[in-house]
Amino acid sequence: MTKSLEESIVIQAMRDLLDANDNERAGALEFFLADGHDHLCDITGLNAKAIKKRVIEAAQHQGVRREKLVKDLIRELPRN
């Protein structure tokens, strides 16, 4: 099945955590820290608290380690 728009938004915000632009990365992190993803996760059945915890963990790293953590998170999202 295809991803919903809501799930796609959450995934794009995760990808933005890897953006070369500092403002994009900061905006994506703020989206998760301010629980902007909560409503979208409710709609799609994703675990918002678990995602936030893993995003915070990834944000504490830089470079390849952050990239791996974010890509693992995206890959592990439940598929419809």
N, C-alpha and C. Protein backbone atom coordinates (compact mmCIF):
# COMPACT_ATOMS: atom_id res chain seq x y z
N MET A 1 0.84 -1.18 0.00
CA MET A 1 0.00 0.00 0.00
C MET A 1 0.89 1.25 0.00
N THR A 2 0.29 2.33 -0.34
CA THR A 2 1.03 3.58 -0.36
C THR A 2 1.00 4.24 1.02
N LYS A 3 1.99 5.05 1.27
CA LYS A 3 2.04 5.80 2.51
C LYS A 3 1.00 6.92 2.47
N SER A 4 0.46 7.23 3.63
CA SER A 4 -0.46 8.35 3.72
C SER A 4 0.33 9.66 3.66
N LEU A 5 -0.36 10.73 3.39
CA LEU A 5 0.27 12.04 3.37
C LEU A 5 0.88 12.35 4.73
N GLU A 6 0.16 12.01 5.79
CA GLU A 6 0.64 12.28 7.15
C GLU A 6 1.94 11.54 7.43
N GLU A 7 2.01 10.27 7.05
CA GLU A 7 3.23 9.50 7.26
C GLU A 7 4.37 10.07 6.42
N SER A 8 4.06 10.50 5.22
CA SER A 8 5.08 11.08 4.35
C SER A 8 5.66 12.36 4.95
N ILE A 9 4.82 13.14 5.61
CA ILE A 9 5.29 14.38 6.25
C ILE A 9 6.25 14.06 7.39
N VAL A 10 5.90 13.07 8.20
CA VAL A 10 6.77 12.67 9.31
C VAL A 10 8.10 12.16 8.77
N ILE A 11 8.06 11.34 7.73
CA ILE A 11 9.28 10.80 7.14
C ILE A 11 10.14 11.92 6.55
N GLN A 12 9.52 12.88 5.89
CA GLN A 12 10.30 13.99 5.32
C GLN A 12 10.96 14.81 6.43
N ALA A 13 10.27 15.00 7.53
CA ALA A 13 10.87 15.73 8.66
C ALA A 13 12.08 14.96 9.19
N MET A 14 11.99 13.64 9.21
CA MET A 14 13.14 12.83 9.62
C MET A 14 14.29 13.01 8.66
N ARG A 15 14.00 13.00 7.38
CA ARG A 15 15.06 13.20 6.38
C ARG A 15 15.67 14.59 6.50
N ASP A 16 14.85 15.57 6.87
CA ASP A 16 15.36 16.94 7.03
C ASP A 16 16.37 17.04 8.17
N LEU A 17 16.36 16.07 9.08
CA LEU A 17 17.37 16.05 10.15
C LEU A 17 18.77 15.84 9.58
N LEU A 18 18.84 15.37 8.34
CA LEU A 18 20.12 15.10 7.68
C LEU A 18 20.50 16.18 6.66
N ASP A 19 19.67 17.19 6.53
CA ASP A 19 19.88 18.24 5.53
C ASP A 19 21.19 18.98 5.79
N ALA A 20 21.85 19.40 4.74
CA ALA A 20 23.10 20.15 4.85
C ALA A 20 22.86 21.55 5.41
N ASN A 21 21.66 22.06 5.24
CA ASN A 21 21.31 23.40 5.71
C ASN A 21 20.98 23.35 7.21
N ASP A 22 21.70 24.15 7.99
CA ASP A 22 21.49 24.18 9.44
C ASP A 22 20.06 24.55 9.81
N ASN A 23 19.46 25.50 9.08
CA ASN A 23 18.09 25.92 9.38
C ASN A 23 17.09 24.80 9.14
N GLU A 24 17.29 24.02 8.10
CA GLU A 24 16.41 22.88 7.82
C GLU A 24 16.50 21.85 8.93
N ARG A 25 17.72 21.55 9.34
CA ARG A 25 17.92 20.58 10.42
C ARG A 25 17.29 21.06 11.71
N ALA A 26 17.50 22.33 12.03
CA ALA A 26 16.94 22.90 13.26
C ALA A 26 15.41 22.90 13.22
N GLY A 27 14.85 23.24 12.07
CA GLY A 27 13.40 23.24 11.92
C GLY A 27 12.82 21.85 12.08
N ALA A 28 13.49 20.87 11.54
CA ALA A 28 13.01 19.49 11.67
C ALA A 28 13.09 19.03 13.12
N LEU A 29 14.17 19.34 13.79
CA LEU A 29 14.31 18.96 15.19
C LEU A 29 13.23 19.65 16.03
N GLU A 30 13.00 20.92 15.78
CA GLU A 30 11.96 21.66 16.51
C GLU A 30 10.58 21.05 16.29
N PHE A 31 10.32 20.59 15.07
CA PHE A 31 9.05 19.93 14.74
C PHE A 31 8.80 18.76 15.69
N PHE A 32 9.83 17.95 15.93
CA PHE A 32 9.69 16.80 16.82
C PHE A 32 9.69 17.21 18.29
N LEU A 33 10.55 18.14 18.67
CA LEU A 33 10.61 18.56 20.07
C LEU A 33 9.32 19.25 20.52
N ALA A 34 8.68 19.97 19.62
CA ALA A 34 7.42 20.67 19.93
C ALA A 34 6.20 19.78 19.71
N ASP A 35 6.45 18.51 19.47
CA ASP A 35 5.39 17.52 19.26
C ASP A 35 4.50 17.84 18.05
N GLY A 36 5.08 18.46 17.05
CA GLY A 36 4.34 18.74 15.82
C GLY A 36 3.96 17.47 15.07
N HIS A 37 4.63 16.39 15.38
CA HIS A 37 4.37 15.12 14.72
C HIS A 37 3.27 14.30 15.42
N ASP A 38 2.90 14.68 16.63
CA ASP A 38 1.94 13.89 17.42
C ASP A 38 0.63 13.62 16.68
N HIS A 39 0.02 14.67 16.19
CA HIS A 39 -1.28 14.50 15.51
C HIS A 39 -1.13 13.63 14.26
N LEU A 40 -0.07 13.84 13.52
CA LEU A 40 0.15 13.06 12.31
C LEU A 40 0.36 11.59 12.65
N CYS A 41 1.07 11.33 13.74
CA CYS A 41 1.29 9.95 14.17
C CYS A 41 0.00 9.31 14.65
N ASP A 42 -0.83 10.09 15.33
CA ASP A 42 -2.14 9.57 15.77
C ASP A 42 -2.96 9.10 14.58
N ILE A 43 -2.95 9.87 13.53
CA ILE A 43 -3.72 9.54 12.33
C ILE A 43 -3.20 8.26 11.68
N THR A 44 -1.89 8.10 11.65
CA THR A 44 -1.29 6.97 10.94
C THR A 44 -1.00 5.76 11.82
N GLY A 45 -1.18 5.91 13.12
CA GLY A 45 -0.93 4.80 14.03
C GLY A 45 0.54 4.62 14.39
N LEU A 46 1.35 5.63 14.13
CA LEU A 46 2.77 5.57 14.50
C LEU A 46 2.92 5.97 15.96
N ASN A 47 3.96 5.47 16.62
CA ASN A 47 4.21 5.75 18.02
C ASN A 47 5.01 7.06 18.13
N ALA A 48 4.32 8.15 18.42
CA ALA A 48 4.94 9.48 18.45
C ALA A 48 6.02 9.58 19.52
N LYS A 49 5.80 8.99 20.69
CA LYS A 49 6.78 9.08 21.77
C LYS A 49 8.07 8.34 21.40
N ALA A 50 7.93 7.17 20.81
CA ALA A 50 9.11 6.40 20.41
C ALA A 50 9.88 7.13 19.32
N ILE A 51 9.16 7.72 18.38
CA ILE A 51 9.82 8.47 17.30
C ILE A 51 10.58 9.65 17.88
N LYS A 52 9.93 10.40 18.77
CA LYS A 52 10.58 11.57 19.38
C LYS A 52 11.85 11.15 20.12
N LYS A 53 11.78 10.06 20.87
CA LYS A 53 12.93 9.58 21.63
C LYS A 53 14.09 9.25 20.69
N ARG A 54 13.79 8.59 19.59
CA ARG A 54 14.86 8.20 18.65
C ARG A 54 15.38 9.39 17.87
N VAL A 55 14.53 10.37 17.58
CA VAL A 55 14.98 11.58 16.90
C VAL A 55 15.96 12.35 17.80
N ILE A 56 15.62 12.46 19.08
CA ILE A 56 16.49 13.14 20.03
C ILE A 56 17.84 12.42 20.11
N GLU A 57 17.78 11.09 20.15
CA GLU A 57 19.02 10.31 20.19
C GLU A 57 19.87 10.58 18.94
N ALA A 58 19.24 10.58 17.78
CA ALA A 58 19.96 10.81 16.53
C ALA A 58 20.55 12.22 16.49
N ALA A 59 19.81 13.19 17.00
CA ALA A 59 20.25 14.58 16.96
C ALA A 59 21.48 14.82 17.82
N GLN A 60 21.74 13.93 18.75
CA GLN A 60 22.91 14.08 19.61
C GLN A 60 24.20 13.65 18.91
N HIS A 61 24.07 13.09 17.73
CA HIS A 61 25.23 12.63 16.97
C HIS A 61 25.38 13.48 15.71
N GLN A 62 26.51 13.34 15.08
CA GLN A 62 26.76 14.07 13.85
C GLN A 62 27.24 13.11 12.78
N GLY A 63 27.18 13.57 11.55
CA GLY A 63 27.76 12.83 10.44
C GLY A 63 27.12 11.49 10.17
N VAL A 64 27.98 10.50 9.94
CA VAL A 64 27.55 9.17 9.52
C VAL A 64 26.68 8.51 10.59
N ARG A 65 27.02 8.70 11.84
CA ARG A 65 26.23 8.07 12.92
C ARG A 65 24.79 8.60 12.91
N ARG A 66 24.62 9.92 12.79
CA ARG A 66 23.26 10.49 12.73
C ARG A 66 22.52 9.95 11.52
N GLU A 67 23.21 9.91 10.39
CA GLU A 67 22.58 9.42 9.17
C GLU A 67 22.10 7.98 9.35
N LYS A 68 22.91 7.14 9.95
CA LYS A 68 22.52 5.75 10.17
C LYS A 68 21.31 5.66 11.10
N LEU A 69 21.32 6.42 12.19
CA LEU A 69 20.21 6.37 13.14
C LEU A 69 18.89 6.82 12.50
N VAL A 70 18.95 7.88 11.72
CA VAL A 70 17.73 8.38 11.07
C VAL A 70 17.25 7.39 10.02
N LYS A 71 18.16 6.88 9.20
CA LYS A 71 17.74 5.92 8.17
C LYS A 71 17.19 4.64 8.78
N ASP A 72 17.77 4.19 9.89
CA ASP A 72 17.24 3.01 10.59
C ASP A 72 15.83 3.29 11.10
N LEU A 73 15.62 4.46 11.65
CA LEU A 73 14.30 4.83 12.15
C LEU A 73 13.27 4.81 11.03
N ILE A 74 13.60 5.40 9.91
CA ILE A 74 12.67 5.42 8.77
C ILE A 74 12.40 4.00 8.29
N ARG A 75 13.43 3.20 8.18
CA ARG A 75 13.29 1.83 7.69
C ARG A 75 12.41 0.99 8.64
N GLU A 76 12.49 1.26 9.92
CA GLU A 76 11.77 0.46 10.91
C GLU A 76 10.33 0.90 11.15
N LEU A 77 9.91 1.97 10.51
CA LEU A 77 8.50 2.38 10.65
C LEU A 77 7.60 1.28 10.13
N PRO A 78 6.50 1.02 10.83
CA PRO A 78 5.59 -0.04 10.34
C PRO A 78 5.05 0.31 8.97
N ARG A 79 4.99 -0.66 8.14
CA ARG A 79 4.47 -0.46 6.78
C ARG A 79 3.04 -0.93 6.71
N ASN A 80 2.22 -0.13 6.09
CA ASN A 80 0.79 -0.49 5.94
C ASN A 80 0.61 -1.58 4.92
